[in-house]
Every structure is written in C-alpha cells, then in structure tokens.
N, C-alpha and C. Protein backbone atom coordinates (compact mmCIF):
# COMPACT_ATOMS: atom_id res chain seq x y z
N MET A 1 34.43 5.47 -30.87
CA MET A 1 33.93 4.20 -30.69
C MET A 1 33.57 4.23 -29.19
N ALA A 2 35.08 4.45 -28.57
CA ALA A 2 34.63 4.56 -27.03
C ALA A 2 33.69 5.54 -26.49
N ARG A 3 33.32 6.47 -27.15
CA ARG A 3 32.46 7.67 -26.57
C ARG A 3 31.02 7.10 -27.15
N PHE A 4 31.23 6.55 -27.68
CA PHE A 4 29.57 5.99 -28.05
C PHE A 4 29.10 4.88 -27.21
N ILE A 5 30.15 3.97 -26.73
CA ILE A 5 29.91 3.08 -25.47
C ILE A 5 29.41 3.61 -24.83
N LEU A 6 30.44 4.54 -23.87
CA LEU A 6 30.25 5.19 -22.80
C LEU A 6 28.68 6.14 -22.55
N ALA A 7 28.46 6.76 -24.16
CA ALA A 7 27.31 7.14 -24.18
C ALA A 7 25.89 6.26 -23.81
N LEU A 8 26.06 4.98 -24.42
CA LEU A 8 25.20 4.00 -24.62
C LEU A 8 24.92 3.51 -23.01
N PHE A 9 26.44 3.09 -22.17
CA PHE A 9 26.31 2.85 -20.70
C PHE A 9 25.48 3.96 -20.01
N GLY A 10 25.76 5.24 -20.22
CA GLY A 10 25.09 6.46 -19.54
C GLY A 10 23.64 6.07 -19.59
N ALA A 11 23.57 6.04 -21.13
CA ALA A 11 21.99 6.06 -21.01
C ALA A 11 21.14 5.10 -20.53
N ALA A 12 21.98 3.71 -20.56
CA ALA A 12 21.24 2.51 -19.83
C ALA A 12 21.03 2.70 -18.47
N THR A 13 22.16 3.34 -18.08
CA THR A 13 22.45 3.52 -16.38
C THR A 13 21.04 4.53 -15.73
N LEU A 14 20.82 5.48 -16.87
CA LEU A 14 19.82 6.55 -16.28
C LEU A 14 18.23 5.75 -16.86
N LEU A 15 18.14 5.24 -17.83
CA LEU A 15 17.02 4.28 -17.91
C LEU A 15 16.81 3.73 -16.72
N GLY A 16 17.89 3.06 -16.10
CA GLY A 16 17.47 1.93 -15.34
C GLY A 16 17.23 2.42 -13.83
N SER A 17 18.01 3.62 -13.67
CA SER A 17 17.85 4.53 -12.38
C SER A 17 16.18 4.96 -12.48
N THR A 18 15.53 5.48 -13.43
CA THR A 18 14.36 5.91 -13.73
C THR A 18 13.75 5.24 -13.38
N ALA A 19 13.84 3.59 -14.04
CA ALA A 19 12.65 2.32 -13.76
C ALA A 19 12.32 2.13 -12.36
N HIS A 20 13.82 2.09 -11.73
CA HIS A 20 14.05 1.59 -10.15
C HIS A 20 13.02 3.06 -9.48
N ALA A 21 13.34 4.05 -9.84
CA ALA A 21 12.25 5.17 -9.10
C ALA A 21 10.71 5.03 -9.44
N SER A 22 10.62 4.75 -10.66
CA SER A 22 9.29 4.58 -10.75
C SER A 22 8.82 3.29 -10.06
N GLU A 23 9.34 2.22 -10.21
CA GLU A 23 8.77 0.95 -9.28
C GLU A 23 8.84 1.28 -8.00
N GLU A 24 9.71 2.19 -6.91
CA GLU A 24 9.53 2.87 -5.84
C GLU A 24 8.12 3.72 -5.49
N ASN A 25 7.79 4.38 -6.41
CA ASN A 25 6.68 5.06 -6.43
C ASN A 25 5.53 4.47 -6.60
N SER A 26 5.65 3.44 -7.46
CA SER A 26 4.33 2.50 -7.61
C SER A 26 4.11 2.01 -6.42
N ASP A 27 4.91 1.30 -5.96
CA ASP A 27 4.91 0.29 -4.76
C ASP A 27 4.00 1.31 -3.76
N ALA A 28 4.60 2.64 -3.49
CA ALA A 28 3.92 3.40 -2.44
C ALA A 28 2.39 3.64 -2.65
N VAL A 29 2.43 3.74 -3.86
CA VAL A 29 0.76 4.15 -4.54
C VAL A 29 0.05 2.75 -4.17
N PHE A 30 0.74 1.58 -4.54
CA PHE A 30 -0.18 0.57 -4.54
C PHE A 30 -0.45 0.26 -3.44
N GLY A 31 0.41 0.27 -2.19
CA GLY A 31 0.45 0.24 -0.53
C GLY A 31 -0.95 0.82 0.06
N LEU A 32 -1.27 2.02 -0.71
CA LEU A 32 -2.33 2.37 -0.06
C LEU A 32 -3.89 1.99 -0.39
N ALA A 33 -3.65 1.21 -1.50
CA ALA A 33 -4.87 0.38 -1.96
C ALA A 33 -5.43 -0.61 -0.58
N GLN A 34 -7.10 -0.95 -0.70
CA GLN A 34 -7.56 -1.65 0.50
C GLN A 34 -7.41 -1.09 1.67
N GLY A 35 -7.23 0.41 2.05
CA GLY A 35 -6.90 0.88 3.09
C GLY A 35 -7.96 1.79 3.66
N CYS A 36 -7.99 2.51 5.15
CA CYS A 36 -9.03 2.97 5.44
C CYS A 36 -8.52 4.25 5.85
N TYR A 37 -8.64 5.63 5.54
CA TYR A 37 -7.90 6.62 6.06
C TYR A 37 -8.53 7.84 6.77
N ALA A 38 -8.07 8.71 7.24
CA ALA A 38 -8.47 9.92 7.81
C ALA A 38 -7.44 10.96 6.87
N VAL A 39 -8.44 12.02 6.80
CA VAL A 39 -7.39 13.10 6.07
C VAL A 39 -7.17 14.31 7.19
N GLN A 40 -5.91 14.72 7.20
CA GLN A 40 -5.36 15.80 8.36
C GLN A 40 -5.04 17.15 7.52
N SER A 41 -5.43 18.16 7.97
CA SER A 41 -4.91 19.60 7.33
C SER A 41 -3.52 19.64 7.84
N LEU A 42 -2.88 20.33 7.22
CA LEU A 42 -1.42 20.59 7.25
C LEU A 42 -1.30 22.22 7.95
N HIS A 43 -2.20 22.75 7.40
CA HIS A 43 -2.95 24.26 8.01
C HIS A 43 -3.27 24.42 9.54
N ASN A 44 -4.32 23.89 10.03
CA ASN A 44 -4.44 23.48 11.50
C ASN A 44 -4.58 22.38 12.15
N ASP A 45 -3.72 21.26 11.51
CA ASP A 45 -3.94 20.02 12.16
C ASP A 45 -4.94 19.04 12.37
N ARG A 46 -6.11 19.89 12.34
CA ARG A 46 -7.39 18.85 12.34
C ARG A 46 -7.68 18.20 11.26
N PHE A 47 -8.51 17.31 11.53
CA PHE A 47 -9.31 15.84 10.83
C PHE A 47 -10.56 16.39 10.16
N MET A 48 -10.47 16.11 8.56
CA MET A 48 -11.79 16.25 8.02
C MET A 48 -13.18 15.41 8.59
N ARG A 49 -14.04 15.91 8.93
CA ARG A 49 -15.05 15.56 9.28
C ARG A 49 -16.39 15.56 8.21
N ARG A 50 -17.38 14.70 8.21
CA ARG A 50 -18.50 14.85 7.66
C ARG A 50 -19.80 15.21 8.20
N TYR A 51 -20.37 15.97 7.91
CA TYR A 51 -21.52 16.60 8.85
C TYR A 51 -22.68 16.87 7.79
N LYS A 52 -23.89 16.95 8.65
CA LYS A 52 -25.13 16.93 8.01
C LYS A 52 -25.59 18.36 8.14
N THR A 53 -25.85 19.41 6.90
CA THR A 53 -26.59 20.51 6.97
C THR A 53 -27.77 20.46 6.66
N ASN A 54 -28.67 21.66 6.53
CA ASN A 54 -29.90 21.78 6.03
C ASN A 54 -30.20 22.19 4.56
N GLY A 55 -29.15 22.20 3.81
CA GLY A 55 -28.84 22.14 2.49
C GLY A 55 -29.43 21.34 1.72
N THR A 56 -29.45 21.61 0.28
CA THR A 56 -30.21 20.73 -0.60
C THR A 56 -28.76 20.04 -1.71
N ILE A 57 -27.76 20.74 -1.39
CA ILE A 57 -26.98 20.02 -2.20
C ILE A 57 -25.99 19.08 -2.00
N ASN A 58 -26.12 17.89 -2.20
CA ASN A 58 -25.35 16.29 -1.71
C ASN A 58 -26.06 15.98 -0.41
N ASN A 59 -27.72 16.36 -0.90
CA ASN A 59 -28.45 15.72 0.36
C ASN A 59 -28.17 16.37 1.66
N GLY A 60 -27.49 17.49 1.68
CA GLY A 60 -27.38 18.36 2.94
C GLY A 60 -25.94 17.91 3.66
N TRP A 61 -25.03 16.64 3.05
CA TRP A 61 -23.86 16.45 3.51
C TRP A 61 -22.86 17.35 2.93
N SER A 62 -21.91 17.78 3.97
CA SER A 62 -20.76 18.63 3.69
C SER A 62 -19.36 18.05 4.51
N PHE A 63 -18.08 18.70 4.30
CA PHE A 63 -17.03 18.31 4.84
C PHE A 63 -16.34 19.51 5.61
N ASP A 64 -15.70 19.52 6.68
CA ASP A 64 -15.06 20.61 6.98
C ASP A 64 -13.70 19.87 7.82
N PHE A 65 -12.81 20.85 8.15
CA PHE A 65 -11.52 20.13 9.10
C PHE A 65 -11.41 20.86 10.50
N ARG A 66 -12.58 20.38 10.89
CA ARG A 66 -13.10 20.40 12.29
C ARG A 66 -12.71 19.31 13.58
N ALA A 67 -12.65 18.31 13.33
CA ALA A 67 -12.59 17.03 13.94
C ALA A 67 -10.97 16.95 14.69
N GLU A 68 -11.22 17.18 15.86
CA GLU A 68 -9.96 16.94 16.80
C GLU A 68 -9.11 15.81 16.97
N ASN A 69 -9.53 14.39 16.40
CA ASN A 69 -8.87 13.11 15.99
C ASN A 69 -9.49 12.56 15.43
N ALA A 70 -8.44 11.45 15.03
CA ALA A 70 -8.78 10.51 13.73
C ALA A 70 -10.10 9.67 14.20
N GLY A 71 -10.64 9.52 15.57
CA GLY A 71 -11.78 8.94 15.73
C GLY A 71 -13.14 9.68 15.49
N GLN A 72 -12.80 11.16 15.34
CA GLN A 72 -13.99 11.94 14.67
C GLN A 72 -14.09 12.09 13.53
N ALA A 73 -12.88 11.59 12.95
CA ALA A 73 -12.81 12.15 11.60
C ALA A 73 -13.70 11.19 10.41
N ALA A 74 -13.83 11.48 9.41
CA ALA A 74 -14.35 10.93 8.32
C ALA A 74 -13.56 9.96 7.68
N SER A 75 -14.00 8.68 7.65
CA SER A 75 -12.93 7.68 7.11
C SER A 75 -13.17 7.59 5.22
N PHE A 76 -11.99 7.46 4.78
CA PHE A 76 -12.13 7.15 3.29
C PHE A 76 -11.16 6.13 2.89
N TYR A 77 -11.89 5.28 2.29
CA TYR A 77 -11.81 3.77 1.86
C TYR A 77 -11.19 3.80 0.18
N PHE A 78 -9.62 3.76 0.05
CA PHE A 78 -9.22 3.45 -1.02
C PHE A 78 -9.10 2.43 -1.62
N LYS A 79 -10.00 2.44 -2.86
CA LYS A 79 -10.10 0.93 -3.84
C LYS A 79 -9.67 1.19 -4.97
N PRO A 80 -8.77 0.55 -5.52
CA PRO A 80 -8.42 0.65 -7.03
C PRO A 80 -9.52 0.22 -7.93
N SER A 81 -9.29 1.39 -9.07
CA SER A 81 -10.12 0.77 -9.95
C SER A 81 -10.10 -0.18 -10.88
N GLY A 82 -8.65 -0.78 -10.97
CA GLY A 82 -8.29 -2.02 -11.53
C GLY A 82 -6.98 -2.12 -11.56
N PHE A 83 -6.64 -3.49 -11.88
CA PHE A 83 -4.97 -3.92 -11.65
C PHE A 83 -3.92 -2.81 -12.18
N GLY A 84 -3.22 -2.47 -11.25
CA GLY A 84 -2.26 -1.45 -11.86
C GLY A 84 -2.70 -0.09 -12.29
N THR A 85 -4.21 0.30 -11.42
CA THR A 85 -4.47 1.78 -11.86
C THR A 85 -5.13 2.05 -10.51
C-alpha cells in the first residue's frame, strides 16, 4: 500500500511539474503576440531585408540576410490567429 501511495505522489508531482513547464512556455509564446520583430541570422549576424527584383514570383519581392542593422531590416508583426493559438 505504501508503494502505491508513493507512486501516486510521484505521478502527481511529475504531472504538476510538466504543467508548470508548459505554462512557462506558453507565457513566452504569448508574450510575442502583438509585437513587431526583425529576424537576424545566426550564420552572419545580418538582418533579413525585403527587396524588389525584376522577377514575376511574388510580384518581384524577395528576402535575404544583407541588412546591417535592425533599422534596415524587414519588420514582421506577430498577431495571434485566435485566443490561445
């Protein structure tokens, strides 16, 4: 009987710690909503920019990582698709 109670306590503790970690992750994700961001490359530390080409795909718009600072970078607005998503 004592082993059963310990097993239940261990399972409850595990579920509680998993739920807490999940809440922390969701707070971090929800914190990004309604914000404007620039994307920076880990490879060359440059920022993503949007530029116009003569191509026909996407009306000639394209992206690359050549902007030297966030002021020159393309901005991306993060908007949630629905409550909690």
